[in-house]
């Protein structure tokens, strides 16, 4: 039986075509599973398949805790201590307790802030009240660029 060897460009094109078509093949549904007119695609399991019903939107209230900050990027609860938040461009970390805002000692000078980067995410250590640790996601730079 002869063995066929494909050149790299032909193989690459064939693989690209297979991978490009795979998501659309995997996501296509038979006509029986398509939402009916008036139904809501992506409805919760409680309403799935029931024509004309929509998932209920949970009620929530927005309350401004502090004013005067630019590009607040992430907020996390620190329990009874209040809330901790990051500012992307100034690379500052602050804690809000009641109506008071406190600066947190943080090496802001090591954060590279430009365009879409800066001090972004924050995660509070589960033992924060004892060890005062939090973890950040941030842009940075090194001595040699």
C-alpha atoms as a PDB file:
ATOM      1  CA  UNK A   1       0.000   0.000   0.000  1.00  0.00           C
ATOM      2  CA  UNK A   2       1.586   3.332  -0.995  1.00  0.00           C
ATOM      3  CA  UNK A   3       2.231   5.855   1.733  1.00  0.00           C
ATOM      4  CA  UNK A   4       1.405   9.490   1.009  1.00  0.00           C
ATOM      5  CA  UNK A   5       3.446  12.305   2.410  1.00  0.00           C
ATOM      6  CA  UNK A   6       1.852  15.750   2.537  1.00  0.00           C
ATOM      7  CA  UNK A   7       3.897  18.900   2.419  1.00  0.00           C
ATOM      8  CA  UNK A   8       3.781  21.163   5.467  1.00  0.00           C
ATOM      9  CA  UNK A   9       1.718  23.918   3.787  1.00  0.00           C
ATOM     10  CA  UNK A  10      -0.966  21.431   2.698  1.00  0.00           C
ATOM     11  CA  UNK A  11      -1.014  19.830   6.167  1.00  0.00           C
ATOM     12  CA  UNK A  12      -1.219  23.232   7.849  1.00  0.00           C
ATOM     13  CA  UNK A  13      -4.132  24.295   5.636  1.00  0.00           C
ATOM     14  CA  UNK A  14      -5.947  21.013   6.297  1.00  0.00           C
ATOM     15  CA  UNK A  15      -5.472  21.285  10.079  1.00  0.00           C
ATOM     16  CA  UNK A  16      -6.514  24.930  10.059  1.00  0.00           C
ATOM     17  CA  UNK A  17      -9.703  24.013   8.200  1.00  0.00           C
ATOM     18  CA  UNK A  18     -10.461  21.194  10.649  1.00  0.00           C
ATOM     19  CA  UNK A  19      -9.927  23.409  13.699  1.00  0.00           C
ATOM     20  CA  UNK A  20     -11.841  26.311  12.167  1.00  0.00           C
ATOM     21  CA  UNK A  21     -14.877  24.126  11.473  1.00  0.00           C
ATOM     22  CA  UNK A  22     -14.775  22.196  14.756  1.00  0.00           C
ATOM     23  CA  UNK A  23     -16.330  24.923  16.972  1.00  0.00           C
ATOM     24  CA  UNK A  24     -19.207  25.477  14.566  1.00  0.00           C
ATOM     25  CA  UNK A  25     -19.849  21.749  14.289  1.00  0.00           C
ATOM     26  CA  UNK A  26     -19.670  21.298  18.051  1.00  0.00           C
ATOM     27  CA  UNK A  27     -22.033  24.208  18.702  1.00  0.00           C
ATOM     28  CA  UNK A  28     -24.684  23.469  16.115  1.00  0.00           C
ATOM     29  CA  UNK A  29     -27.852  21.963  17.512  1.00  0.00           C
ATOM     30  CA  UNK A  30     -30.498  19.872  15.829  1.00  0.00           C
ATOM     31  CA  UNK A  31     -33.695  21.715  14.889  1.00  0.00           C
ATOM     32  CA  UNK A  32     -35.537  20.043  17.804  1.00  0.00           C
ATOM     33  CA  UNK A  33     -33.260  21.835  20.309  1.00  0.00           C
ATOM     34  CA  UNK A  34     -33.571  25.298  18.755  1.00  0.00           C
ATOM     35  CA  UNK A  35     -35.480  27.828  20.873  1.00  0.00           C
ATOM     36  CA  UNK A  36     -39.072  28.367  19.838  1.00  0.00           C
ATOM     37  CA  UNK A  37     -40.295  31.798  18.827  1.00  0.00           C
ATOM     38  CA  UNK A  38     -40.734  33.824  21.984  1.00  0.00           C
ATOM     39  CA  UNK A  39     -38.470  31.529  24.008  1.00  0.00           C
ATOM     40  CA  UNK A  40     -35.270  32.716  25.583  1.00  0.00           C
ATOM     41  CA  UNK A  41     -32.015  31.140  24.461  1.00  0.00           C
ATOM     42  CA  UNK A  42     -29.795  30.432  27.439  1.00  0.00           C
ATOM     43  CA  UNK A  43     -32.619  30.510  29.964  1.00  0.00           C
ATOM     44  CA  UNK A  44     -31.959  28.886  33.316  1.00  0.00           C
ATOM     45  CA  UNK A  45     -32.704  25.208  33.835  1.00  0.00           C
ATOM     46  CA  UNK A  46     -35.924  26.137  35.596  1.00  0.00           C
ATOM     47  CA  UNK A  47     -37.356  27.712  32.449  1.00  0.00           C
ATOM     48  CA  UNK A  48     -35.473  25.850  29.735  1.00  0.00           C
ATOM     49  CA  UNK A  49     -37.784  24.488  27.098  1.00  0.00           C
ATOM     50  CA  UNK A  50     -40.808  26.486  28.298  1.00  0.00           C
ATOM     51  CA  UNK A  51     -41.839  28.767  25.419  1.00  0.00           C
ATOM     52  CA  UNK A  52     -42.398  32.415  26.268  1.00  0.00           C
ATOM     53  CA  UNK A  53     -40.710  32.384  29.684  1.00  0.00           C
ATOM     54  CA  UNK A  54     -37.559  34.207  30.652  1.00  0.00           C
ATOM     55  CA  UNK A  55     -35.176  33.748  33.538  1.00  0.00           C
ATOM     56  CA  UNK A  56     -35.791  36.245  36.341  1.00  0.00           C
ATOM     57  CA  UNK A  57     -33.139  38.886  36.794  1.00  0.00           C
ATOM     58  CA  UNK A  58     -31.931  39.007  40.403  1.00  0.00           C
ATOM     59  CA  UNK A  59     -32.683  42.246  42.239  1.00  0.00           C
ATOM     60  CA  UNK A  60     -29.741  44.306  43.435  1.00  0.00           C
ATOM     61  CA  UNK A  61     -28.989  47.803  44.660  1.00  0.00           C
ATOM     62  CA  UNK A  62     -25.957  49.917  43.814  1.00  0.00           C
ATOM     63  CA  UNK A  63     -24.546  52.019  46.635  1.00  0.00           C
ATOM     64  CA  UNK A  64     -21.610  54.393  46.188  1.00  0.00           C
ATOM     65  CA  UNK A  65     -19.180  53.814  49.044  1.00  0.00           C
ATOM     66  CA  UNK A  66     -16.551  56.469  48.234  1.00  0.00           C
ATOM     67  CA  UNK A  67     -16.166  59.330  45.768  1.00  0.00           C
ATOM     68  CA  UNK A  68     -13.292  60.986  43.971  1.00  0.00           C
ATOM     69  CA  UNK A  69     -11.266  58.021  42.752  1.00  0.00           C
ATOM     70  CA  UNK A  70     -10.307  57.366  39.154  1.00  0.00           C
ATOM     71  CA  UNK A  71     -10.163  53.904  37.594  1.00  0.00           C
ATOM     72  CA  UNK A  72     -11.087  51.842  40.640  1.00  0.00           C
ATOM     73  CA  UNK A  73     -10.396  48.425  39.190  1.00  0.00           C
ATOM     74  CA  UNK A  74     -11.135  45.763  41.785  1.00  0.00           C
ATOM     75  CA  UNK A  75     -12.836  45.595  45.165  1.00  0.00           C
ATOM     76  CA  UNK A  76     -12.771  42.822  47.769  1.00  0.00           C
ATOM     77  CA  UNK A  77     -14.319  42.419  51.196  1.00  0.00           C
ATOM     78  CA  UNK A  78     -12.016  42.265  54.192  1.00  0.00           C
ATOM     79  CA  UNK A  79     -14.784  41.207  56.560  1.00  0.00           C
ATOM     80  CA  UNK A  80     -15.427  43.502  59.502  1.00  0.00           C
ATOM     81  CA  UNK A  81     -12.466  45.607  58.350  1.00  0.00           C
ATOM     82  CA  UNK A  82     -14.502  46.906  55.398  1.00  0.00           C
ATOM     83  CA  UNK A  83     -13.464  46.846  51.730  1.00  0.00           C
ATOM     84  CA  UNK A  84     -10.107  46.943  49.993  1.00  0.00           C
ATOM     85  CA  UNK A  85      -9.781  48.350  46.480  1.00  0.00           C
ATOM     86  CA  UNK A  86      -7.197  49.060  43.795  1.00  0.00           C
ATOM     87  CA  UNK A  87      -6.811  52.043  41.491  1.00  0.00           C
ATOM     88  CA  UNK A  88      -5.367  51.048  38.142  1.00  0.00           C
ATOM     89  CA  UNK A  89      -3.440  54.176  37.140  1.00  0.00           C
ATOM     90  CA  UNK A  90      -2.293  55.560  40.497  1.00  0.00           C
ATOM     91  CA  UNK A  91      -1.333  52.020  41.628  1.00  0.00           C
ATOM     92  CA  UNK A  92      -2.762  52.715  45.076  1.00  0.00           C
ATOM     93  CA  UNK A  93      -4.402  50.227  47.430  1.00  0.00           C
ATOM     94  CA  UNK A  94      -6.908  51.590  49.913  1.00  0.00           C
ATOM     95  CA  UNK A  95      -9.219  50.236  52.606  1.00  0.00           C
ATOM     96  CA  UNK A  96     -12.675  51.684  53.204  1.00  0.00           C
ATOM     97  CA  UNK A  97     -14.066  51.256  56.703  1.00  0.00           C
ATOM     98  CA  UNK A  98     -17.329  53.045  57.297  1.00  0.00           C
ATOM     99  CA  UNK A  99     -16.874  56.472  55.704  1.00  0.00           C
ATOM    100  CA  UNK A 100     -13.099  56.574  56.238  1.00  0.00           C
ATOM    101  CA  UNK A 101     -10.621  55.700  53.479  1.00  0.00           C
ATOM    102  CA  UNK A 102      -7.136  54.548  54.529  1.00  0.00           C
ATOM    103  CA  UNK A 103      -4.065  54.234  52.317  1.00  0.00           C
ATOM    104  CA  UNK A 104      -2.371  50.841  52.459  1.00  0.00           C
ATOM    105  CA  UNK A 105       1.422  50.634  52.405  1.00  0.00           C
ATOM    106  CA  UNK A 106       2.128  49.220  48.941  1.00  0.00           C
ATOM    107  CA  UNK A 107       5.127  49.470  46.554  1.00  0.00           C
ATOM    108  CA  UNK A 108       3.270  51.539  43.926  1.00  0.00           C
ATOM    109  CA  UNK A 109       6.553  52.525  42.269  1.00  0.00           C
ATOM    110  CA  UNK A 110       7.045  48.918  41.118  1.00  0.00           C
ATOM    111  CA  UNK A 111       3.776  48.950  39.143  1.00  0.00           C
ATOM    112  CA  UNK A 112       3.882  49.864  35.469  1.00  0.00           C
ATOM    113  CA  UNK A 113       0.718  51.784  34.596  1.00  0.00           C
ATOM    114  CA  UNK A 114       0.090  52.652  30.966  1.00  0.00           C
ATOM    115  CA  UNK A 115      -3.026  52.347  28.831  1.00  0.00           C
ATOM    116  CA  UNK A 116      -4.784  49.121  29.746  1.00  0.00           C
ATOM    117  CA  UNK A 117      -2.341  48.006  32.435  1.00  0.00           C
ATOM    118  CA  UNK A 118      -1.552  49.095  35.953  1.00  0.00           C
ATOM    119  CA  UNK A 119      -2.709  47.860  39.350  1.00  0.00           C
ATOM    120  CA  UNK A 120      -5.712  45.711  38.566  1.00  0.00           C
ATOM    121  CA  UNK A 121      -6.940  42.648  40.464  1.00  0.00           C
ATOM    122  CA  UNK A 122      -6.815  42.029  44.180  1.00  0.00           C
ATOM    123  CA  UNK A 123      -7.418  38.865  46.203  1.00  0.00           C
ATOM    124  CA  UNK A 124      -7.587  38.845  49.980  1.00  0.00           C
ATOM    125  CA  UNK A 125      -5.819  36.089  51.893  1.00  0.00           C
ATOM    126  CA  UNK A 126      -8.326  33.943  53.827  1.00  0.00           C
ATOM    127  CA  UNK A 127      -6.402  34.790  57.027  1.00  0.00           C
ATOM    128  CA  UNK A 128      -6.234  38.544  56.240  1.00  0.00           C
ATOM    129  CA  UNK A 129      -7.411  39.627  59.690  1.00  0.00           C
ATOM    130  CA  UNK A 130      -4.385  37.850  61.195  1.00  0.00           C
ATOM    131  CA  UNK A 131      -1.649  38.177  58.552  1.00  0.00           C
ATOM    132  CA  UNK A 132      -2.752  41.359  56.650  1.00  0.00           C
ATOM    133  CA  UNK A 133      -1.863  39.740  53.287  1.00  0.00           C
ATOM    134  CA  UNK A 134      -3.457  40.450  49.954  1.00  0.00           C
ATOM    135  CA  UNK A 135      -2.372  39.548  46.429  1.00  0.00           C
ATOM    136  CA  UNK A 136      -2.465  41.747  43.345  1.00  0.00           C
ATOM    137  CA  UNK A 137      -2.449  41.402  39.596  1.00  0.00           C
ATOM    138  CA  UNK A 138      -0.450  44.239  38.093  1.00  0.00           C
ATOM    139  CA  UNK A 139       1.668  45.429  35.217  1.00  0.00           C
ATOM    140  CA  UNK A 140       5.344  45.566  36.047  1.00  0.00           C
ATOM    141  CA  UNK A 141       8.725  46.336  34.606  1.00  0.00           C
ATOM    142  CA  UNK A 142      12.272  45.181  35.111  1.00  0.00           C
ATOM    143  CA  UNK A 143      15.539  47.083  35.271  1.00  0.00           C
ATOM    144  CA  UNK A 144      16.385  46.193  31.663  1.00  0.00           C
ATOM    145  CA  UNK A 145      12.905  46.681  30.234  1.00  0.00           C
END
